[in-house]
Protein backbone atom coordinates (compact mmCIF):
# COMPACT_ATOMS: atom_id res chain seq x y z
CA MET A 1 0.00 0.00 0.00
CA ALA A 2 2.80 2.38 0.92
CA VAL A 3 4.49 1.61 -2.37
CA LEU A 4 1.32 2.50 -4.30
CA VAL A 5 1.02 5.81 -2.42
CA LYS A 6 4.60 6.67 -3.25
CA VAL A 7 4.04 5.81 -6.90
CA GLY A 8 0.89 7.93 -6.97
CA VAL A 9 2.70 10.91 -5.47
CA LEU A 10 5.51 10.49 -7.97
CA VAL A 11 3.09 10.43 -10.90
CA LEU A 12 1.36 13.56 -9.60
CA ILE A 13 4.68 15.37 -9.31
CA LEU A 14 5.61 14.36 -12.84
CA LYS A 15 2.29 15.68 -14.15
CA VAL A 16 2.81 19.01 -12.38
CA LEU A 17 6.30 19.30 -13.79
CA LEU A 18 5.02 18.42 -17.27
CA VAL A 19 2.33 21.10 -17.10
CA ALA A 20 4.85 23.66 -15.83
CA ALA A 21 7.22 22.77 -18.65
CA GLN A 22 4.45 23.27 -21.22
CA GLU A 23 3.48 26.66 -19.79
CA GLN A 24 5.07 29.55 -21.66
CA ILE A 25 5.47 32.87 -19.87
CA LYS A 26 4.74 35.71 -22.26
CA TYR A 27 5.77 39.16 -21.05
CA PHE A 28 4.01 42.10 -22.66
CA GLU A 29 4.41 45.84 -22.34
CA ILE A 30 1.53 47.54 -20.58
CA GLY A 31 -0.16 49.59 -23.27
CA GLY A 32 1.45 47.46 -25.98
CA LYS A 33 0.58 44.25 -27.83
CA LEU A 34 0.44 40.61 -26.84
CA VAL A 35 1.05 38.12 -29.66
CA LEU A 36 0.32 34.42 -29.06
CA ARG A 37 1.35 31.89 -31.72
CA PRO A 38 0.16 28.31 -31.19
CA GLU A 39 2.36 25.41 -32.23
CA PHE A 40 0.10 24.05 -34.91
CA SER A 41 0.46 23.29 -38.61
CA GLY A 42 -2.18 22.32 -41.16
CA PRO A 43 -5.60 23.63 -42.13
CA ILE A 44 -7.77 25.11 -39.40
CA ASN A 45 -11.47 24.28 -39.43
CA SER A 46 -12.36 25.58 -35.99
CA ILE A 47 -10.59 27.58 -33.30
CA THR A 48 -11.40 28.92 -29.87
CA TRP A 49 -9.14 31.10 -27.71
CA LYS A 50 -9.81 31.44 -23.98
CA HIS A 51 -8.44 33.83 -21.37
CA ASN A 52 -8.84 32.61 -17.79
CA SER A 53 -11.64 30.28 -18.96
CA ASN A 54 -13.47 33.14 -20.75
CA ILE A 55 -13.85 32.93 -24.53
CA VAL A 56 -11.85 35.61 -26.36
CA ALA A 57 -12.43 34.56 -29.97
CA GLU A 58 -14.31 31.73 -31.65
CA TRP A 59 -14.75 30.53 -35.23
CA ILE A 60 -16.13 27.38 -36.89
CA LYS A 61 -15.71 27.05 -40.63
CA GLY A 62 -19.06 27.15 -42.44
CA SER A 63 -20.99 27.32 -39.18
CA VAL A 64 -19.97 30.12 -36.82
CA GLU A 65 -18.60 33.44 -38.03
CA LEU A 66 -15.55 34.81 -36.29
CA GLU A 67 -16.69 36.43 -33.08
CA TYR A 68 -14.83 38.28 -30.32
CA LEU A 69 -16.14 38.18 -26.76
CA GLY A 70 -15.30 39.25 -23.22
CA ASP A 71 -13.06 42.03 -21.88
CA LEU A 72 -10.68 41.75 -24.84
CA LYS A 73 -13.37 42.42 -27.41
CA GLY A 74 -12.44 45.35 -29.64
CA ARG A 75 -8.74 44.81 -28.96
CA SER A 76 -8.32 41.27 -30.34
CA GLU A 77 -7.46 40.02 -33.82
CA LEU A 78 -7.31 36.38 -34.87
CA ASP A 79 -5.44 35.01 -37.90
CA LEU A 80 -7.55 32.10 -39.17
CA ASN A 81 -4.66 30.70 -41.22
CA THR A 82 -2.08 30.40 -38.42
CA GLY A 83 -4.28 30.63 -35.32
CA THR A 84 -2.21 33.57 -33.99
CA LEU A 85 -4.06 35.81 -31.53
CA THR A 86 -3.01 39.45 -31.20
CA VAL A 87 -4.36 41.69 -28.43
CA SER A 88 -3.66 45.44 -28.48
CA ASN A 89 -3.63 48.07 -25.71
CA MET A 90 -2.85 45.47 -23.08
CA LEU A 91 -3.65 46.28 -19.46
CA LYS A 92 -2.10 44.91 -16.29
CA ALA A 93 -5.53 43.46 -15.58
CA ASP A 94 -5.11 41.30 -18.70
CA ASP A 95 -2.56 39.12 -16.92
CA GLY A 96 -3.54 35.46 -16.86
CA LEU A 97 -3.65 32.16 -18.74
CA PHE A 98 -4.46 31.83 -22.43
CA ARG A 99 -5.37 28.48 -23.96
CA VAL A 100 -6.33 27.58 -27.52
CA GLU A 101 -8.49 24.79 -29.00
CA ILE A 102 -8.03 24.00 -32.69
CA ASN A 103 -10.14 21.54 -34.69
CA ASP A 104 -11.95 20.44 -31.50
CA LYS A 105 -8.68 19.59 -29.78
CA VAL A 106 -7.18 21.54 -26.87
CA LEU A 107 -3.53 22.08 -27.62
CA PRO A 108 -1.16 21.10 -24.81
CA GLY A 109 0.37 23.88 -22.77
CA THR A 110 -0.78 27.38 -21.93
CA PHE A 111 0.45 30.93 -22.30
CA LYS A 112 0.91 32.81 -19.03
CA ALA A 113 0.69 36.51 -19.87
CA VAL A 114 2.49 38.94 -17.53
CA GLY A 115 2.34 42.70 -18.12
CA VAL A 116 5.30 44.91 -17.27
CA ARG A 117 5.76 48.66 -17.55
CA ASN A 118 8.48 50.08 -19.78
CA LEU A 119 11.34 51.33 -17.60
CA ILE A 120 11.62 54.47 -19.73
CA GLN A 121 8.63 55.70 -17.72
CA LYS A 122 10.38 55.04 -14.41
CA LYS A 123 13.01 57.05 -12.55
CA VAL A 124 16.26 55.10 -12.34
CA GLU A 125 18.85 56.70 -10.03
CA VAL A 126 21.52 55.71 -7.52
CA ILE A 127 20.22 56.61 -4.06
CA LEU A 128 22.79 57.11 -1.31
CA ARG A 129 21.79 55.83 2.13
CA PRO A 130 22.07 57.45 4.52
CA LEU A 131 21.85 60.73 2.66
CA THR A 132 24.47 62.16 5.05
CA CYS A 133 27.02 59.52 4.07
CA SER A 134 30.45 61.13 3.71
CA SER A 135 34.15 60.37 3.84
CA ASP A 136 33.86 60.01 7.62
CA ALA A 137 31.66 56.89 7.33
CA SER A 138 33.11 53.38 7.36
CA SER A 139 30.50 52.10 4.90
CA CYS A 140 27.35 53.21 3.07
CA THR A 141 24.69 51.62 0.88
CA LEU A 142 23.54 52.43 -2.64
CA ASP A 143 20.04 51.63 -3.90
CA CYS A 144 19.20 51.41 -7.59
CA GLY A 145 15.97 53.41 -7.61
CA GLU A 146 12.84 53.05 -5.51
CA ASP A 147 10.13 50.40 -5.97
CA PHE A 148 9.54 49.91 -9.71
CA GLY A 149 6.04 48.57 -9.15
CA ASP A 150 4.43 47.32 -12.36
CA ALA A 151 7.82 47.34 -14.13
CA GLU A 152 8.85 44.28 -12.08
CA PRO A 153 10.49 41.79 -12.30
CA VAL A 154 13.70 43.81 -12.66
CA GLN A 155 17.34 42.80 -12.88
CA TYR A 156 20.06 45.11 -11.56
CA PHE A 157 23.54 45.87 -12.83
CA TRP A 158 26.29 48.06 -11.32
CA LYS A 159 29.32 49.83 -12.75
CA ASN A 160 32.26 51.18 -10.71
CA GLY A 161 33.80 54.29 -12.26
CA GLU A 162 33.20 55.64 -15.74
CA ALA A 163 35.25 52.97 -17.52
CA GLY A 164 34.11 50.02 -15.39
CA LYS A 165 32.28 46.97 -16.70
CA TRP A 166 28.62 46.24 -15.94
CA GLU A 167 28.24 43.50 -13.33
CA ASN A 168 25.07 41.68 -12.37
CA GLY A 169 24.03 42.50 -8.81
CA GLU A 170 21.24 43.21 -6.37
CA LYS A 171 19.06 46.28 -5.94
CA ARG A 172 21.17 47.32 -2.92
CA LYS A 173 24.95 47.62 -3.02
CA VAL A 174 27.15 48.07 0.07
CA ILE A 175 30.36 50.09 -0.35
CA ASN A 176 33.17 50.16 2.21
CA ASN A 177 35.40 53.15 2.81
CA ASP A 178 38.69 51.60 1.75
CA GLY A 179 41.42 52.25 -0.79
CA GLU A 180 39.82 50.14 -3.51
CA THR A 181 36.47 51.90 -3.24
CA ARG A 182 38.07 55.35 -3.18
CA SER A 183 39.81 54.53 -6.46
CA PHE A 184 36.44 54.90 -8.25
CA LYS A 185 35.11 58.38 -8.93
CA SER A 186 31.47 57.33 -9.30
CA PHE A 187 28.91 54.54 -9.20
CA THR A 188 26.22 53.86 -11.82
CA CYS A 189 23.35 51.37 -11.88
CA LYS A 190 21.11 49.96 -14.58
CA ALA A 191 17.65 48.41 -14.28
CA LYS A 192 16.46 45.88 -16.85
CA ASN A 193 13.22 43.98 -17.33
CA ARG A 194 11.89 41.75 -20.09
CA ILE A 195 11.04 44.59 -22.46
CA SER A 196 13.35 47.49 -21.62
CA GLU A 197 16.34 48.78 -19.69
CA LYS A 198 17.40 52.14 -18.30
CA GLU A 199 20.68 53.50 -16.93
CA SER A 200 21.10 55.99 -14.09
CA ASP A 201 23.32 59.04 -13.99
CA PRO A 202 26.65 58.47 -12.18
CA LEU A 203 26.70 59.20 -8.46
CA GLU A 204 29.88 60.80 -7.14
CA ASN A 205 31.77 58.58 -4.74
CA PRO A 206 30.89 59.93 -1.26
CA PHE A 207 34.20 58.73 0.15
CA ILE A 208 36.40 60.89 -2.08
CA SER A 209 34.37 64.08 -2.47
CA LYS A 210 35.66 65.60 0.76
CA TYR A 211 39.16 64.27 0.20
CA GLY A 212 39.15 66.01 -3.14
CA ASP A 213 37.87 69.27 -1.65
CA SER A 214 40.45 69.16 1.17
CA ASN A 215 43.33 68.60 -1.22
CA THR A 216 42.13 71.39 -3.45
CA GLY A 217 41.80 73.75 -0.51
CA LEU A 218 45.21 72.80 0.80
CA VAL A 219 46.85 73.39 -2.56
CA ALA A 220 45.07 76.71 -2.94
CA GLY A 221 46.15 77.75 0.56
CA VAL A 222 49.77 76.87 -0.14
CA VAL A 223 49.71 78.83 -3.39
CA VAL A 224 48.24 81.89 -1.68
CA PHE A 225 50.79 81.65 1.13
CA VAL A 226 53.68 81.44 -1.34
CA LEU A 227 52.35 84.45 -3.25
CA LEU A 228 52.02 86.48 -0.03
CA VAL A 229 55.53 85.56 1.02
CA GLY A 230 56.80 86.57 -2.40
CA LEU A 231 55.01 89.92 -2.27
CA VAL A 232 56.24 90.71 1.22
CA GLY A 233 59.77 89.68 0.36
CA GLY A 234 59.73 91.68 -2.84
CA GLY A 235 58.45 94.75 -1.01
CA TRP A 236 61.17 94.49 1.62
CA PHE A 237 63.81 94.07 -1.05
CA TYR A 238 62.52 97.18 -2.86
CA TYR A 239 62.52 99.13 0.41
CA GLN A 240 66.12 98.16 1.19
CA LYS A 241 67.55 98.78 -2.28
CA ARG A 242 65.61 101.81 -3.48
CA ILE A 243 64.11 103.91 -0.67
CA LYS A 244 66.77 103.66 2.01
CA ASN A 245 69.61 104.38 -0.42
CA ARG A 246 68.14 107.67 -1.67
CA PRO A 247 70.34 110.76 -0.83
CA GLY A 248 69.31 112.51 2.35
CA PHE A 249 67.04 109.69 3.52
CA SER A 250 66.81 109.53 7.30
CA PRO A 251 64.35 107.17 8.92
CA ALA A 252 64.34 109.29 12.08
CA SER A 253 63.53 112.56 10.26
CA ALA A 254 60.91 111.16 7.86
CA ASP A 255 57.69 113.17 7.95
CA GLY A 256 54.37 111.79 8.98
CA ASN A 257 53.78 110.32 5.54
CA GLY A 258 57.06 108.47 5.68
CA SER A 259 58.58 110.71 2.98
CA PRO A 260 62.29 111.47 3.28
CA GLU A 261 63.34 114.97 4.34
CA GLN A 262 64.50 117.31 1.52
CA PRO A 263 68.30 117.66 1.56
CA ALA A 264 69.69 120.97 2.89
CA GLU A 265 71.24 123.51 0.47
CA ASP A 266 75.00 123.16 0.26
CA GLY A 267 77.44 125.88 1.24
CA ASN A 268 78.06 127.13 -2.29
CA ALA A 269 74.40 127.92 -2.76
CA THR A 270 74.27 129.92 0.54
CA GLU A 271 77.38 131.97 -0.31
CA SER A 272 76.04 132.85 -3.74
CA ASN A 273 72.85 134.24 -2.23
CA GLU A 274 74.81 136.46 0.19
CA MET A 275 76.89 137.92 -2.68
CA LYS A 276 73.74 138.82 -4.62
CA HIS A 277 72.36 140.65 -1.59
CA LYS A 278 75.59 142.65 -1.03
CA PHE A 279 75.80 144.15 -4.53
CA SER A 280 72.06 144.82 -4.88
């Protein structure tokens, strides 16, 4: 009895696996088209498409004209030669199982339709957490966007630096404040689903931004200091060589403006003036 139970369970598992293997997942863009092509060759005399057990389209040669029914009516188109069903303006609510019956025979397998939003309509960015993360932190985390909602399922890729290679990863990336991480100037992420992909703008490495600013400030300070020293030294040199060596210059007798005192008239000039006065 136990052996029969085990065999029964095994058969059930095999059936489930067989059904799963025959189920095709068909991703469609929300607002776009869904195209379902059955694996069938030969003339078609009758065909019925169902969506979640509801009839979408039905036709019987010489008996029933092609008719569209249900929620997909007005958006469906059936090719009677190939059996291909095309549905336009797909909604997320149109998710579900599609099955087709051709010539009174249900074809094996189903189509599982899953609607996803084009990522071009979503905001893809590298989000730094915490927002106050800086060069003082030992580690920080990077998130590739917020919740993408109806654009899921999404794969994530990361690139270190501008020339780095894309690597498959998770939505969240942890970065440690070490020499290897600081060797990259930026981090970029990319989100990808079954119908689209979108890349973020690069995020500046939070661990090197302050280092860069400090080095720049230090260099600028050194340059300014050297210039000031040069100006002061040049002024002192000019003072020593030019001003102090002028005739009659006396630091003690300089006027309030620091101008040197005018040199006194020499003896020859005084004697000449006295002679002019005597003969006048």
